[in-house]
PDB file of N, CA and C in Angstrom:
ATOM      1  N   THR A   1      13.260   4.252  15.507  1.00  0.00           N
ATOM      2  CA  THR A   1      13.208   3.448  16.611  1.00  0.00           C
ATOM      3  C   THR A   1      12.056   3.880  17.706  1.00  0.00           C
ATOM      4  N   ARG A   2      12.041   5.285  17.764  1.00  0.00           N
ATOM      5  CA  ARG A   2      11.076   5.911  18.629  1.00  0.00           C
ATOM      6  C   ARG A   2       9.585   5.694  18.314  1.00  0.00           C
ATOM      7  N   ALA A   3       9.410   5.494  16.863  1.00  0.00           N
ATOM      8  CA  ALA A   3       7.989   5.308  16.315  1.00  0.00           C
ATOM      9  C   ALA A   3       7.613   3.738  16.645  1.00  0.00           C
ATOM     10  N   ILE A   4       8.441   2.943  17.019  1.00  0.00           N
ATOM     11  CA  ILE A   4       7.935   1.530  17.237  1.00  0.00           C
ATOM     12  C   ILE A   4       7.414   1.504  18.732  1.00  0.00           C
ATOM     13  N   ASP A   5       6.169   1.085  18.745  1.00  0.00           N
ATOM     14  CA  ASP A   5       5.393   1.156  20.115  1.00  0.00           C
ATOM     15  C   ASP A   5       5.286  -0.243  20.333  1.00  0.00           C
ATOM     16  N   ALA A   6       6.483  -0.992  20.785  1.00  0.00           N
ATOM     17  CA  ALA A   6       6.377  -2.501  21.093  1.00  0.00           C
ATOM     18  C   ALA A   6       7.635  -2.774  21.912  1.00  0.00           C
ATOM     19  N   PRO A   7       7.605  -3.637  22.645  1.00  0.00           N
ATOM     20  CA  PRO A   7       8.926  -4.020  23.393  1.00  0.00           C
ATOM     21  C   PRO A   7      10.174  -4.115  22.451  1.00  0.00           C
ATOM     22  N   GLN A   8      11.238  -3.929  23.013  1.00  0.00           N
ATOM     23  CA  GLN A   8      12.601  -3.969  22.207  1.00  0.00           C
ATOM     24  C   GLN A   8      12.621  -3.426  20.915  1.00  0.00           C
ATOM     25  N   PRO A   9      12.288  -2.009  20.825  1.00  0.00           N
ATOM     26  CA  PRO A   9      12.313  -1.302  19.484  1.00  0.00           C
ATOM     27  C   PRO A   9      13.474  -1.308  18.987  1.00  0.00           C
ATOM     28  N   GLU A  10      14.733  -1.382  19.689  1.00  0.00           N
ATOM     29  CA  GLU A  10      16.011  -1.309  18.844  1.00  0.00           C
ATOM     30  C   GLU A  10      16.136  -2.607  18.179  1.00  0.00           C
ATOM     31  N   LEU A  11      16.010  -3.621  18.779  1.00  0.00           N
ATOM     32  CA  LEU A  11      16.048  -4.927  18.142  1.00  0.00           C
ATOM     33  C   LEU A  11      15.237  -5.057  17.081  1.00  0.00           C
ATOM     34  N   ARG A  12      13.939  -4.499  16.968  1.00  0.00           N
ATOM     35  CA  ARG A  12      12.924  -4.594  15.968  1.00  0.00           C
ATOM     36  C   ARG A  12      13.538  -3.655  14.835  1.00  0.00           C
ATOM     37  N   ALA A  13      13.906  -2.750  14.982  1.00  0.00           N
ATOM     38  CA  ALA A  13      14.602  -1.677  14.094  1.00  0.00           C
ATOM     39  C   ALA A  13      15.695  -2.571  13.189  1.00  0.00           C
ATOM     40  N   VAL A  14      16.582  -3.089  14.182  1.00  0.00           N
ATOM     41  CA  VAL A  14      17.711  -3.671  13.499  1.00  0.00           C
ATOM     42  C   VAL A  14      17.220  -4.897  12.661  1.00  0.00           C
ATOM     43  N   LEU A  15      16.408  -5.708  13.091  1.00  0.00           N
ATOM     44  CA  LEU A  15      16.004  -6.872  12.314  1.00  0.00           C
ATOM     45  C   LEU A  15      15.178  -6.233  10.968  1.00  0.00           C
ATOM     46  N   ILE A  16      14.434  -5.273  11.045  1.00  0.00           N
ATOM     47  CA  ILE A  16      13.851  -4.648   9.787  1.00  0.00           C
ATOM     48  C   ILE A  16      14.786  -4.157   8.862  1.00  0.00           C
ATOM     49  N   GLY A  17      15.882  -3.520   9.516  1.00  0.00           N
ATOM     50  CA  GLY A  17      17.099  -3.145   8.363  1.00  0.00           C
ATOM     51  C   GLY A  17      17.762  -4.265   7.845  1.00  0.00           C
ATOM     52  N   ALA A  18      18.116  -5.404   8.603  1.00  0.00           N
ATOM     53  CA  ALA A  18      18.785  -6.585   8.189  1.00  0.00           C
ATOM     54  C   ALA A  18      17.950  -7.201   6.959  1.00  0.00           C
ATOM     55  N   GLN A  19      16.554  -7.319   7.246  1.00  0.00           N
ATOM     56  CA  GLN A  19      15.629  -7.833   6.173  1.00  0.00           C
ATOM     57  C   GLN A  19      15.768  -7.068   4.826  1.00  0.00           C
ATOM     58  N   LEU A  20      15.728  -5.687   5.053  1.00  0.00           N
ATOM     59  CA  LEU A  20      15.657  -4.703   3.697  1.00  0.00           C
ATOM     60  C   LEU A  20      17.180  -4.876   3.272  1.00  0.00           C
ATOM     61  N   VAL A  21      18.101  -4.742   3.920  1.00  0.00           N
ATOM     62  CA  VAL A  21      19.550  -4.637   3.377  1.00  0.00           C
ATOM     63  C   VAL A  21      19.780  -6.018   2.754  1.00  0.00           C
ATOM     64  N   GLY A  22      19.294  -7.129   3.197  1.00  0.00           N
ATOM     65  CA  GLY A  22      19.663  -8.449   2.787  1.00  0.00           C
ATOM     66  C   GLY A  22      18.826  -8.461   1.412  1.00  0.00           C
ATOM     67  N   MET A  23      17.726  -8.061   1.303  1.00  0.00           N
ATOM     68  CA  MET A  23      16.930  -8.250   0.169  1.00  0.00           C
ATOM     69  C   MET A  23      17.666  -7.234  -1.104  1.00  0.00           C
ATOM     70  N   ALA A  24      18.152  -6.041  -0.663  1.00  0.00           N
ATOM     71  CA  ALA A  24      18.738  -5.190  -1.421  1.00  0.00           C
ATOM     72  C   ALA A  24      20.056  -5.736  -1.974  1.00  0.00           C
ATOM     73  N   MET A  25      20.865  -6.377  -1.173  1.00  0.00           N
ATOM     74  CA  MET A  25      22.186  -7.037  -1.571  1.00  0.00           C
ATOM     75  C   MET A  25      21.871  -8.109  -2.422  1.00  0.00           C
ATOM     76  N   MET A  26      20.893  -8.982  -2.185  1.00  0.00           N
ATOM     77  CA  MET A  26      20.606 -10.104  -3.155  1.00  0.00           C
ATOM     78  C   MET A  26      20.125  -9.490  -4.660  1.00  0.00           C
ATOM     79  N   ARG A  27      19.371  -8.497  -4.518  1.00  0.00           N
ATOM     80  CA  ARG A  27      18.662  -7.953  -5.687  1.00  0.00           C
ATOM     81  C   ARG A  27      19.665  -7.116  -6.585  1.00  0.00           C
ATOM     82  N   TYR A  28      20.433  -6.170  -5.999  1.00  0.00           N
ATOM     83  CA  TYR A  28      21.230  -5.171  -6.679  1.00  0.00           C
ATOM     84  C   TYR A  28      22.668  -5.338  -6.603  1.00  0.00           C
ATOM     85  N   VAL A  29      23.023  -6.248  -5.460  1.00  0.00           N
ATOM     86  CA  VAL A  29      24.592  -6.287  -5.598  1.00  0.00           C
ATOM     87  C   VAL A  29      25.051  -7.686  -6.138  1.00  0.00           C
ATOM     88  N   VAL A  30      24.466  -8.904  -5.513  1.00  0.00           N
ATOM     89  CA  VAL A  30      24.657 -10.101  -5.869  1.00  0.00           C
ATOM     90  C   VAL A  30      24.033 -10.379  -6.997  1.00  0.00           C
ATOM     91  N   ARG A  31      22.941  -9.895  -7.440  1.00  0.00           N
ATOM     92  CA  ARG A  31      22.095  -9.857  -8.486  1.00  0.00           C
ATOM     93  C   ARG A  31      21.489 -11.520  -8.816  1.00  0.00           C
ATOM     94  N   VAL A  32      21.012 -11.889  -7.772  1.00  0.00           N
ATOM     95  CA  VAL A  32      20.405 -13.182  -7.854  1.00  0.00           C
ATOM     96  C   VAL A  32      19.273 -13.102  -8.699  1.00  0.00           C
ATOM     97  N   GLU A  33      19.229 -13.919  -9.820  1.00  0.00           N
ATOM     98  CA  GLU A  33      18.319 -13.821 -10.916  1.00  0.00           C
ATOM     99  C   GLU A  33      16.893 -13.633 -10.519  1.00  0.00           C
ATOM    100  N   ALA A  34      16.493 -14.544  -9.478  1.00  0.00           N
ATOM    101  CA  ALA A  34      15.132 -14.694  -8.939  1.00  0.00           C
ATOM    102  C   ALA A  34      14.804 -13.299  -8.403  1.00  0.00           C
ATOM    103  N   MET A  35      15.624 -12.867  -7.680  1.00  0.00           N
ATOM    104  CA  MET A  35      15.473 -11.580  -7.008  1.00  0.00           C
ATOM    105  C   MET A  35      15.374 -10.459  -8.132  1.00  0.00           C
ATOM    106  N   VAL A  36      16.200 -10.470  -9.033  1.00  0.00           N
ATOM    107  CA  VAL A  36      16.279  -9.412 -10.077  1.00  0.00           C
ATOM    108  C   VAL A  36      14.975  -9.508 -10.917  1.00  0.00           C
ATOM    109  N   ALA A  37      14.487 -10.476 -11.241  1.00  0.00           N
ATOM    110  CA  ALA A  37      13.412 -10.770 -12.089  1.00  0.00           C
ATOM    111  C   ALA A  37      12.078 -10.518 -11.368  1.00  0.00           C
ATOM    112  N   ALA A  38      12.127 -10.494  -9.887  1.00  0.00           N
ATOM    113  CA  ALA A  38      10.950 -10.363  -9.283  1.00  0.00           C
ATOM    114  C   ALA A  38      10.270  -9.033  -9.449  1.00  0.00           C
ATOM    115  N   GLU A  39       8.900  -9.002  -9.670  1.00  0.00           N
ATOM    116  CA  GLU A  39       8.040  -7.706  -9.595  1.00  0.00           C
ATOM    117  C   GLU A  39       8.394  -7.013  -8.268  1.00  0.00           C
ATOM    118  N   VAL A  40       8.359  -5.726  -8.194  1.00  0.00           N
ATOM    119  CA  VAL A  40       8.420  -5.212  -6.894  1.00  0.00           C
ATOM    120  C   VAL A  40       7.192  -5.410  -6.052  1.00  0.00           C
ATOM    121  N   ASP A  41       6.020  -5.369  -6.631  1.00  0.00           N
ATOM    122  CA  ASP A  41       4.827  -5.763  -5.776  1.00  0.00           C
ATOM    123  C   ASP A  41       4.773  -7.207  -5.186  1.00  0.00           C
ATOM    124  N   ASP A  42       5.448  -8.022  -5.889  1.00  0.00           N
ATOM    125  CA  ASP A  42       5.729  -9.568  -5.355  1.00  0.00           C
ATOM    126  C   ASP A  42       6.909  -9.596  -4.187  1.00  0.00           C
ATOM    127  N   LEU A  43       7.772  -8.793  -4.262  1.00  0.00           N
ATOM    128  CA  LEU A  43       8.688  -8.572  -3.225  1.00  0.00           C
ATOM    129  C   LEU A  43       8.280  -8.070  -1.994  1.00  0.00           C
ATOM    130  N   VAL A  44       7.375  -7.043  -2.151  1.00  0.00           N
ATOM    131  CA  VAL A  44       6.552  -6.249  -0.997  1.00  0.00           C
ATOM    132  C   VAL A  44       5.820  -7.302  -0.471  1.00  0.00           C
ATOM    133  N   ALA A  45       5.021  -8.069  -1.258  1.00  0.00           N
ATOM    134  CA  ALA A  45       4.031  -9.022  -0.665  1.00  0.00           C
ATOM    135  C   ALA A  45       4.699 -10.117   0.178  1.00  0.00           C
ATOM    136  N   ALA A  46       5.923 -10.504  -0.245  1.00  0.00           N
ATOM    137  CA  ALA A  46       6.542 -11.666   0.370  1.00  0.00           C
ATOM    138  C   ALA A  46       7.184 -11.104   1.518  1.00  0.00           C
ATOM    139  N   LEU A  47       7.763  -9.840   1.708  1.00  0.00           N
ATOM    140  CA  LEU A  47       8.442  -9.339   2.759  1.00  0.00           C
ATOM    141  C   LEU A  47       7.807  -8.675   3.748  1.00  0.00           C
ATOM    142  N   ALA A  48       6.738  -8.100   3.358  1.00  0.00           N
ATOM    143  CA  ALA A  48       5.760  -7.209   4.290  1.00  0.00           C
ATOM    144  C   ALA A  48       5.191  -7.869   5.551  1.00  0.00           C
ATOM    145  N   PRO A  49       4.901  -9.180   5.412  1.00  0.00           N
ATOM    146  CA  PRO A  49       4.479 -10.094   6.814  1.00  0.00           C
ATOM    147  C   PRO A  49       5.702 -10.130   7.835  1.00  0.00           C
ATOM    148  N   THR A  50       6.628 -10.126   7.178  1.00  0.00           N
ATOM    149  CA  THR A  50       7.915 -10.422   8.328  1.00  0.00           C
ATOM    150  C   THR A  50       8.134  -9.130   8.800  1.00  0.00           C
ATOM    151  N   VAL A  51       8.356  -8.119   7.946  1.00  0.00           N
ATOM    152  CA  VAL A  51       8.526  -6.573   8.341  1.00  0.00           C
ATOM    153  C   VAL A  51       7.570  -6.245   9.576  1.00  0.00           C
ATOM    154  N   GLN A  52       6.326  -6.511   9.080  1.00  0.00           N
ATOM    155  CA  GLN A  52       5.264  -6.160  10.160  1.00  0.00           C
ATOM    156  C   GLN A  52       5.170  -6.897  11.489  1.00  0.00           C
ATOM    157  N   ARG A  53       5.688  -8.214  11.391  1.00  0.00           N
ATOM    158  CA  ARG A  53       5.942  -8.927  12.666  1.00  0.00           C
ATOM    159  C   ARG A  53       7.094  -8.340  13.386  1.00  0.00           C
ATOM    160  N   TYR A  54       8.227  -7.914  12.677  1.00  0.00           N
ATOM    161  CA  TYR A  54       9.193  -7.190  13.453  1.00  0.00           C
ATOM    162  C   TYR A  54       8.505  -5.970  14.111  1.00  0.00           C
ATOM    163  N   LEU A  55       7.693  -5.253  13.355  1.00  0.00           N
ATOM    164  CA  LEU A  55       7.183  -4.127  14.074  1.00  0.00           C
ATOM    165  C   LEU A  55       6.339  -4.188  15.190  1.00  0.00           C
ATOM    166  N   ASP A  56       5.477  -5.265  15.161  1.00  0.00           N
ATOM    167  CA  ASP A  56       4.426  -5.171  16.274  1.00  0.00           C
ATOM    168  C   ASP A  56       4.188  -6.632  16.569  1.00  0.00           C
ATOM    169  N   GLY A  57       4.902  -7.669  16.104  1.00  0.00           N
ATOM    170  CA  GLY A  57       4.540  -9.170  16.547  1.00  0.00           C
ATOM    171  C   GLY A  57       5.434  -9.584  17.853  1.00  0.00           C
ATOM    172  N   ASP A  58       5.049 -10.822  17.954  1.00  0.00           N
ATOM    173  CA  ASP A  58       5.705 -11.567  19.174  1.00  0.00           C
ATOM    174  C   ASP A  58       7.204 -11.928  18.553  1.00  0.00           C
ATOM    175  N   LEU A  59       8.315 -11.593  19.356  1.00  0.00           N
ATOM    176  CA  LEU A  59       9.533 -11.870  18.982  1.00  0.00           C
ATOM    177  C   LEU A  59      10.201 -12.973  19.791  1.00  0.00           C
ATOM    178  N   THR A  60       9.403 -13.650  20.607  1.00  0.00           N
ATOM    179  CA  THR A  60       9.650 -14.612  21.562  1.00  0.00           C
ATOM    180  C   THR A  60       9.732 -15.980  20.801  1.00  0.00           C
ATOM    181  N   PRO A  61      10.944 -16.544  20.860  1.00  0.00           N
ATOM    182  CA  PRO A  61      11.210 -17.883  20.117  1.00  0.00           C
ATOM    183  C   PRO A  61      10.065 -18.803  20.368  1.00  0.00           C
ATOM    184  N   ALA A  62       9.814 -19.655  19.514  1.00  0.00           N
ATOM    185  CA  ALA A  62       8.615 -20.630  19.552  1.00  0.00           C
ATOM    186  C   ALA A  62       8.607 -21.530  20.637  1.00  0.00           C
ATOM    187  N   ASP A  63       9.966 -21.872  21.184  1.00  0.00           N
ATOM    188  CA  ASP A  63      10.327 -22.793  22.317  1.00  0.00           C
ATOM    189  C   ASP A  63      10.407 -22.184  23.515  1.00  0.00           C
ATOM    190  N   ARG A  64      10.214 -20.861  23.732  1.00  0.00           N
ATOM    191  CA  ARG A  64      10.263 -20.312  24.882  1.00  0.00           C
ATOM    192  C   ARG A  64       8.870 -19.422  25.266  1.00  0.00           C
ATOM    193  N   PRO A  65       8.299 -19.563  26.319  1.00  0.00           N
ATOM    194  CA  PRO A  65       6.965 -19.191  26.668  1.00  0.00           C
ATOM    195  C   PRO A  65       7.129 -17.401  26.673  1.00  0.00           C
ATOM    196  N   ALA A  66       6.219 -16.708  26.106  1.00  0.00           N
ATOM    197  CA  ALA A  66       6.258 -15.417  26.058  1.00  0.00           C
ATOM    198  C   ALA A  66       6.325 -14.659  27.373  1.00  0.00           C
TER     199      ALA A  66
END
């Protein structure tokens, strides 16, 4: 959390954790076939933009001014 140089670092860290834990649950626990079959590089490419937004992007809902 201390390494996140953006507003609401605690929220950002929790959102990142939720994203990654959700992916891990779907791939390794629930074993959803599409997640199990996906290449790691493809999962990284799909998830990285969301994780990056959580790190340094705008978290304001689209219907609320920043």
